[in-house]
Amino acid sequence: MFSFCSSESAGMIMGQAQFLYDTAPDAAFGLAASIFADRDDVRIQMRDDAFDSGLVLRECASLHAVLADDPRPLGDVVLLDCPAPDGSGLAALARLDERAARSGAALVVSTTVGGLEDVFGCLSQSGAQILVNARRADRVIALGQALAGGRGHRVRELSDEDRLTLLRLTEQVHAISEKLERLSEEVDEAAVRSPATAFRFGDGAATAASPGDRLVRAARPALPDARLVRRIIHQRQLRARFFDGELFADPAWDMLLDLTAARVEHARVSVTSLCIASSVPPTTALRWISQLTEAGLFERVEDETDRRRAFIQLTDKACDGMARYFAELGKSAAALV
């Protein structure tokens, strides 16, 4: 069940979120929204958020309207609510994912923890933002990200400086929404930071036999023993028994460790499992997964036996970094746990 801010609090969040739109000169003006939701109250809330964001409403209908024989053109931003998708709902979601990818529309999908695996499996082309148990503040932030840094030709592409500015502003909006929701005795999520420039792999990994020789990349060491990685993960989780877990929130590293252990164990990791491993709320974890995928550290792998499912694994780039990290620690790594 969704929990929403009061109208006054939501208005304050909206005012702060407007900064996100202002970072893109051609952000909200002249852009249209398509809204699909079977629940009347959610559809109305999405419509109001789109209006407040300066979007023109192109379509506001049930999810199954996506399967119409003669669908209307999609808006520049598409908001969709899919809490517990059935067979036809998944078909609609897959079709919408394809249409959004083809048109360049920015897709924002709300679901639940129970529906996450099915929804994630259907969204392989559009680069959709996925929100889990979304609050109004989550959708406002997602709208800001879609408008200021969306896909395709419909909204402008962000430079690296723009992206950093947008993510800092997103943090500020998250912080504001946390304070407002705590005043109304509702729990909020920790803000997401950008991992896009947080990792540097390959620097110092090349050697030269002599000054005149070309650099030759050193062979990658083996990944660490999975038992060691699992002990490190357990040690990190143990802190939450004695201190507030938010003090140590580091979802990128927690997910890298979990996927490293899974790689050694030849195990597949679902998106739900990875969200749990991150130790942050699912919507926050999904933002991290998206950013780490864009950074070239994670990759999506389709289930060959069930096309409706997908898994997350480390890329070769990430494996290289993790292997070299643990090799640098050497035998002292075991003494750390």
Protein backbone atom coordinates (compact mmCIF):
# COMPACT_ATOMS: atom_id res chain seq x y z
CA MET A 1 0.00 0.00 0.00
CA PHE A 2 1.34 3.44 -0.89
CA SER A 3 1.91 6.08 1.77
CA PHE A 4 1.80 9.69 0.62
CA CYS A 5 3.01 12.96 2.10
CA SER A 6 0.47 15.53 3.20
CA SER A 7 -0.54 17.96 0.47
CA GLU A 8 1.56 20.71 2.12
CA SER A 9 4.63 18.47 2.41
CA ALA A 10 4.18 17.19 -1.13
CA GLY A 11 3.99 20.76 -2.37
CA MET A 12 7.29 21.57 -0.65
CA ILE A 13 8.93 18.53 -2.23
CA MET A 14 7.54 19.57 -5.60
CA GLY A 15 9.01 23.02 -5.18
CA GLN A 16 12.43 21.58 -4.44
CA ALA A 17 12.14 19.03 -7.24
CA GLN A 18 11.57 21.91 -9.68
CA PHE A 19 15.34 22.50 -9.41
CA LEU A 20 15.79 19.18 -11.21
CA TYR A 21 13.76 20.37 -14.15
CA ASP A 22 15.49 23.74 -14.29
CA THR A 23 18.87 22.06 -14.87
CA ALA A 24 17.66 21.08 -18.35
CA PRO A 25 16.67 24.10 -20.48
CA ASP A 26 14.19 22.15 -22.54
CA ALA A 27 13.04 19.94 -19.69
CA ALA A 28 9.32 20.10 -18.92
CA PHE A 29 8.10 22.70 -21.38
CA GLY A 30 6.17 21.22 -24.28
CA LEU A 31 6.60 17.63 -23.12
CA ALA A 32 3.73 15.19 -22.69
CA ALA A 33 2.99 12.33 -20.29
CA SER A 34 1.22 9.01 -20.74
CA ILE A 35 -0.17 7.41 -17.58
CA PHE A 36 -1.28 3.79 -17.18
CA ALA A 37 -2.66 2.41 -13.91
CA ASP A 38 -5.51 0.10 -12.99
CA ARG A 39 -5.95 1.58 -9.51
CA ASP A 40 -8.03 4.75 -9.72
CA ASP A 41 -6.40 6.52 -6.76
CA VAL A 42 -2.88 5.89 -8.08
CA ARG A 43 -3.85 6.99 -11.59
CA ILE A 44 -5.24 10.26 -10.20
CA GLN A 45 -2.10 10.81 -8.11
CA MET A 46 0.15 10.21 -11.12
CA ARG A 47 -1.93 12.61 -13.19
CA ASP A 48 -1.61 15.33 -10.55
CA ASP A 49 2.16 14.81 -10.31
CA ALA A 50 2.49 15.08 -14.08
CA PHE A 51 0.48 18.31 -14.12
CA ASP A 52 2.52 19.75 -11.25
CA SER A 53 5.69 18.92 -13.21
CA GLY A 54 4.52 21.00 -16.17
CA LEU A 55 3.72 18.04 -18.41
CA VAL A 56 0.82 17.93 -20.85
CA LEU A 57 -1.35 14.87 -20.37
CA ARG A 58 -1.54 12.78 -23.53
CA GLU A 59 -3.22 9.66 -22.15
CA CYS A 60 -4.49 8.48 -18.76
CA ALA A 61 -5.88 4.96 -18.86
CA SER A 62 -5.70 1.43 -17.46
CA LEU A 63 -2.61 -0.69 -18.01
CA HIS A 64 -4.43 -2.92 -20.46
CA ALA A 65 -5.04 0.05 -22.77
CA VAL A 66 -1.43 -0.52 -23.86
CA LEU A 67 -2.63 -3.65 -25.68
CA ALA A 68 -5.15 -1.73 -27.80
CA ASP A 69 -4.97 -2.42 -31.54
CA ASP A 70 -4.51 1.26 -32.35
CA PRO A 71 -2.57 2.76 -29.42
CA ARG A 72 -1.94 6.47 -29.23
CA PRO A 73 1.64 7.71 -29.56
CA LEU A 74 3.42 7.63 -26.22
CA GLY A 75 4.20 10.79 -24.30
CA ASP A 76 7.75 11.89 -23.65
CA VAL A 77 7.44 10.51 -20.11
CA VAL A 78 5.42 7.38 -19.31
CA LEU A 79 4.23 6.63 -15.76
CA LEU A 80 2.97 3.13 -15.12
CA ASP A 81 1.67 1.34 -12.02
CA CYS A 82 2.04 -2.45 -12.01
CA PRO A 83 1.90 -3.76 -8.41
CA ALA A 84 1.02 -7.42 -9.05
CA PRO A 85 1.13 -8.11 -12.80
CA ASP A 86 -0.87 -10.99 -14.25
CA GLY A 87 -0.27 -12.52 -17.67
CA SER A 88 -1.93 -9.73 -19.62
CA GLY A 89 -0.28 -7.13 -17.42
CA LEU A 90 3.15 -8.58 -18.20
CA ALA A 91 2.31 -8.60 -21.90
CA ALA A 92 1.33 -4.94 -21.67
CA LEU A 93 4.51 -4.13 -19.79
CA ALA A 94 6.72 -5.88 -22.35
CA ARG A 95 4.97 -4.09 -25.20
CA LEU A 96 5.31 -0.74 -23.47
CA ASP A 97 9.01 -1.40 -22.86
CA GLU A 98 9.49 -2.01 -26.58
CA ARG A 99 7.47 1.07 -27.58
CA ALA A 100 9.32 3.31 -25.13
CA ALA A 101 12.70 2.07 -26.37
CA ARG A 102 11.67 2.68 -29.97
CA SER A 103 10.25 6.17 -29.35
CA GLY A 104 12.82 7.39 -26.82
CA ALA A 105 10.22 7.93 -24.09
CA ALA A 106 11.36 7.89 -20.47
CA LEU A 107 9.57 5.07 -18.63
CA VAL A 108 8.89 5.08 -14.86
CA VAL A 109 7.31 1.90 -13.46
CA SER A 110 5.92 1.43 -9.93
CA THR A 111 5.62 -2.09 -8.51
CA THR A 112 5.88 -4.07 -5.28
CA VAL A 113 8.55 -6.39 -3.89
CA GLY A 114 6.40 -9.34 -4.93
CA GLY A 115 6.10 -8.08 -8.49
CA LEU A 116 9.69 -6.91 -8.88
CA GLU A 117 11.14 -10.02 -10.54
CA ASP A 118 8.40 -10.18 -13.17
CA VAL A 119 8.52 -6.46 -13.85
CA PHE A 120 12.32 -6.40 -14.09
CA GLY A 121 12.23 -9.36 -16.47
CA CYS A 122 9.92 -7.47 -18.84
CA LEU A 123 11.97 -4.26 -18.91
CA SER A 124 15.02 -5.07 -21.00
CA GLN A 125 15.07 -2.34 -23.65
CA SER A 126 13.87 1.05 -22.41
CA GLY A 127 16.19 1.72 -19.47
CA ALA A 128 13.13 2.19 -17.26
CA GLN A 129 13.27 3.52 -13.72
CA ILE A 130 11.66 1.00 -11.35
CA LEU A 131 10.12 2.16 -8.06
CA VAL A 132 9.20 -0.34 -5.34
CA ASN A 133 6.31 0.49 -2.97
CA ALA A 134 6.53 4.01 -4.34
CA ARG A 135 5.59 7.10 -2.40
CA ARG A 136 4.68 10.34 -4.07
CA ALA A 137 8.14 11.74 -3.32
CA ASP A 138 9.70 8.79 -5.19
CA ARG A 139 7.65 9.54 -8.29
CA VAL A 140 8.45 13.25 -8.12
CA ILE A 141 12.17 12.48 -8.02
CA ALA A 142 11.83 9.93 -10.83
CA LEU A 143 10.00 12.52 -12.93
CA GLY A 144 12.81 14.99 -12.34
CA GLN A 145 15.42 12.45 -13.42
CA ALA A 146 13.38 11.49 -16.47
CA LEU A 147 12.89 15.08 -17.58
CA ALA A 148 16.44 16.27 -16.96
CA GLY A 149 18.32 13.22 -18.13
CA GLY A 150 15.99 10.91 -20.06
CA ARG A 151 16.53 8.68 -23.02
CA GLY A 152 16.52 9.32 -26.73
CA HIS A 153 15.87 12.56 -28.59
CA ARG A 154 12.94 13.68 -26.50
CA VAL A 155 14.96 15.25 -23.71
CA ARG A 156 18.48 16.51 -23.90
CA GLU A 157 21.45 14.29 -23.09
CA LEU A 158 23.33 15.28 -19.95
CA SER A 159 27.01 16.06 -19.85
CA ASP A 160 29.08 14.54 -17.04
CA GLU A 161 28.84 17.84 -15.16
CA ASP A 162 25.06 17.93 -15.64
CA ARG A 163 24.74 14.36 -14.38
CA LEU A 164 26.66 15.13 -11.21
CA THR A 165 24.58 18.26 -10.63
CA LEU A 166 21.36 16.31 -11.15
CA LEU A 167 22.38 13.56 -8.74
CA ARG A 168 23.39 16.09 -6.07
CA LEU A 169 20.02 17.79 -6.44
CA THR A 170 18.32 14.41 -6.24
CA GLU A 171 20.09 13.84 -2.93
CA GLN A 172 18.82 17.18 -1.67
CA VAL A 173 15.23 16.34 -2.62
CA HIS A 174 15.58 12.96 -0.90
CA ALA A 175 16.87 14.65 2.26
CA ILE A 176 13.99 17.11 2.25
CA SER A 177 11.43 14.36 1.73
CA GLU A 178 12.99 12.38 4.60
CA LYS A 179 12.59 15.29 7.00
CA LEU A 180 9.02 15.95 5.91
CA GLU A 181 7.98 12.33 6.14
CA ARG A 182 9.55 11.94 9.57
CA LEU A 183 7.48 14.88 10.73
CA SER A 184 4.43 12.90 9.62
CA GLU A 185 5.83 9.72 11.27
CA GLU A 186 6.51 7.93 8.02
CA VAL A 187 9.70 6.10 7.15
CA ASP A 188 11.82 7.36 4.29
CA GLU A 189 14.73 5.97 2.35
CA ALA A 190 18.38 6.90 2.37
CA ALA A 191 19.46 9.07 -0.55
CA VAL A 192 21.30 7.54 -3.48
CA ARG A 193 24.65 8.87 -4.55
CA SER A 194 26.17 8.57 -7.96
CA PRO A 195 28.62 5.70 -8.45
CA ALA A 196 29.27 6.77 -12.03
CA THR A 197 32.70 8.19 -11.22
CA ALA A 198 33.35 6.26 -8.00
CA PHE A 199 35.32 3.40 -9.54
CA ARG A 200 38.52 3.45 -11.52
CA PHE A 201 39.67 0.11 -12.85
CA GLY A 202 42.80 -0.45 -14.88
CA ASP A 203 44.93 2.38 -13.49
CA GLY A 204 48.27 0.96 -12.53
CA ALA A 205 47.35 -2.49 -13.87
CA ALA A 206 49.83 -2.29 -16.73
CA THR A 207 53.58 -2.90 -16.54
CA ALA A 208 56.56 -2.24 -18.79
CA ALA A 209 59.72 -4.33 -18.91
CA SER A 210 61.78 -1.25 -19.81
CA PRO A 211 61.09 2.44 -20.47
CA GLY A 212 61.02 1.87 -24.22
CA ASP A 213 58.64 -1.09 -24.13
CA ARG A 214 54.92 -0.73 -24.69
CA LEU A 215 52.74 -1.18 -21.67
CA VAL A 216 51.48 -4.73 -21.25
CA ARG A 217 48.45 -5.39 -19.09
CA ALA A 218 49.23 -7.75 -16.23
CA ALA A 219 47.28 -10.99 -16.03
CA ARG A 220 44.24 -10.75 -13.80
CA PRO A 221 44.63 -12.62 -10.50
CA ALA A 222 42.03 -15.14 -9.45
CA LEU A 223 38.92 -14.01 -7.61
CA PRO A 224 39.04 -14.56 -3.84
CA ASP A 225 37.66 -17.61 -2.05
CA ALA A 226 33.89 -17.20 -1.79
CA ARG A 227 34.02 -18.17 1.89
CA LEU A 228 36.24 -15.17 2.61
CA VAL A 229 33.86 -12.82 0.78
CA ARG A 230 30.87 -14.27 2.63
CA ARG A 231 32.66 -13.73 5.96
CA ILE A 232 33.27 -10.10 5.03
CA ILE A 233 29.60 -9.69 4.10
CA HIS A 234 28.53 -11.27 7.41
CA GLN A 235 30.87 -8.98 9.33
CA ARG A 236 29.41 -5.92 7.60
CA GLN A 237 25.86 -7.05 8.35
CA LEU A 238 26.75 -7.70 12.00
CA ARG A 239 27.18 -3.97 12.62
CA ALA A 240 23.44 -3.42 12.26
CA ARG A 241 22.89 -5.39 15.49
CA PHE A 242 24.60 -2.68 17.50
CA PHE A 243 24.22 0.51 15.45
CA ASP A 244 21.71 2.11 13.11
CA GLY A 245 22.24 0.40 9.75
CA GLU A 246 21.96 3.71 7.87
CA LEU A 247 25.25 4.79 9.43
CA PHE A 248 27.05 2.23 7.27
CA ALA A 249 24.95 2.29 4.11
CA ASP A 250 27.27 1.43 1.21
CA PRO A 251 25.05 -0.40 -1.29
CA ALA A 252 27.52 -0.36 -4.18
CA TRP A 253 30.18 -2.20 -2.19
CA ASP A 254 27.69 -4.61 -0.59
CA MET A 255 26.36 -5.57 -4.03
CA LEU A 256 29.86 -5.90 -5.50
CA LEU A 257 30.80 -8.27 -2.68
CA ASP A 258 27.64 -10.33 -3.09
CA LEU A 259 28.09 -10.67 -6.85
CA THR A 260 31.79 -11.52 -6.41
CA ALA A 261 30.94 -14.40 -4.09
CA ALA A 262 28.18 -15.55 -6.47
CA ARG A 263 30.61 -15.47 -9.41
CA VAL A 264 33.02 -17.78 -7.58
CA GLU A 265 30.15 -20.04 -6.50
CA HIS A 266 28.76 -20.14 -10.07
CA ALA A 267 25.43 -18.91 -8.66
CA ARG A 268 22.89 -16.65 -10.32
CA VAL A 269 21.68 -13.56 -8.49
CA SER A 270 18.16 -12.22 -9.02
CA VAL A 271 17.43 -8.53 -8.81
CA THR A 272 15.38 -9.08 -5.64
CA SER A 273 18.24 -10.96 -3.99
CA LEU A 274 20.68 -8.22 -4.95
CA CYS A 275 18.36 -5.56 -3.52
CA ILE A 276 18.35 -7.47 -0.23
CA ALA A 277 22.15 -7.76 -0.30
CA SER A 278 22.46 -3.97 -0.72
CA SER A 279 20.95 -3.36 2.75
CA VAL A 280 18.99 -0.36 1.49
CA PRO A 281 15.32 -0.05 0.42
CA PRO A 282 14.53 -1.65 -2.97
CA THR A 283 13.92 1.60 -4.88
CA THR A 284 17.28 2.94 -3.69
CA ALA A 285 18.97 -0.35 -4.56
CA LEU A 286 17.47 -0.29 -8.06
CA ARG A 287 18.87 3.19 -8.64
CA TRP A 288 22.29 1.88 -7.66
CA ILE A 289 21.94 -1.14 -9.94
CA SER A 290 21.04 1.17 -12.81
CA GLN A 291 24.00 3.46 -12.15
CA LEU A 292 26.45 0.58 -11.72
CA THR A 293 25.18 -0.92 -14.96
CA GLU A 294 25.73 2.40 -16.73
CA ALA A 295 29.22 2.52 -15.19
CA GLY A 296 30.00 -0.85 -16.80
CA LEU A 297 30.25 -2.83 -13.56
CA PHE A 298 26.99 -4.79 -13.65
CA GLU A 299 25.26 -6.45 -16.56
CA ARG A 300 21.85 -7.97 -17.08
CA VAL A 301 21.69 -11.63 -18.13
CA GLU A 302 18.48 -13.15 -19.48
CA ASP A 303 17.33 -16.52 -18.15
CA GLU A 304 17.67 -18.91 -21.10
CA THR A 305 14.97 -21.21 -19.71
CA ASP A 306 12.47 -18.47 -18.84
CA ARG A 307 12.55 -15.26 -20.87
CA ARG A 308 10.43 -13.55 -18.24
CA ARG A 309 13.32 -13.63 -15.78
CA ALA A 310 16.69 -11.92 -15.70
CA PHE A 311 19.71 -11.93 -13.43
CA ILE A 312 22.49 -9.49 -12.54
CA GLN A 313 26.18 -10.35 -12.69
CA LEU A 314 29.57 -8.63 -12.63
CA THR A 315 31.08 -7.53 -15.91
CA ASP A 316 34.64 -8.53 -16.76
CA LYS A 317 35.65 -4.99 -15.84
CA ALA A 318 34.21 -5.37 -12.34
CA CYS A 319 35.68 -8.87 -11.92
CA ASP A 320 39.08 -7.45 -12.83
CA GLY A 321 38.78 -4.73 -10.22
CA MET A 322 37.57 -7.05 -7.45
CA ALA A 323 40.28 -9.64 -8.21
CA ARG A 324 43.02 -7.01 -8.11
CA TYR A 325 41.59 -5.49 -4.94
CA PHE A 326 41.69 -8.79 -3.07
CA ALA A 327 45.09 -9.63 -4.53
CA GLU A 328 46.38 -6.33 -3.16
CA LEU A 329 45.01 -7.25 0.26
CA GLY A 330 46.77 -10.59 -0.03
CA LYS A 331 46.90 -12.90 2.98
CA SER A 332 46.04 -10.01 5.28
CA ALA A 333 42.46 -10.13 3.99
CA ALA A 334 41.62 -13.12 6.19
CA ALA A 335 42.85 -11.19 9.22
CA LEU A 336 40.34 -8.43 8.53
CA VAL A 337 37.38 -10.67 9.40
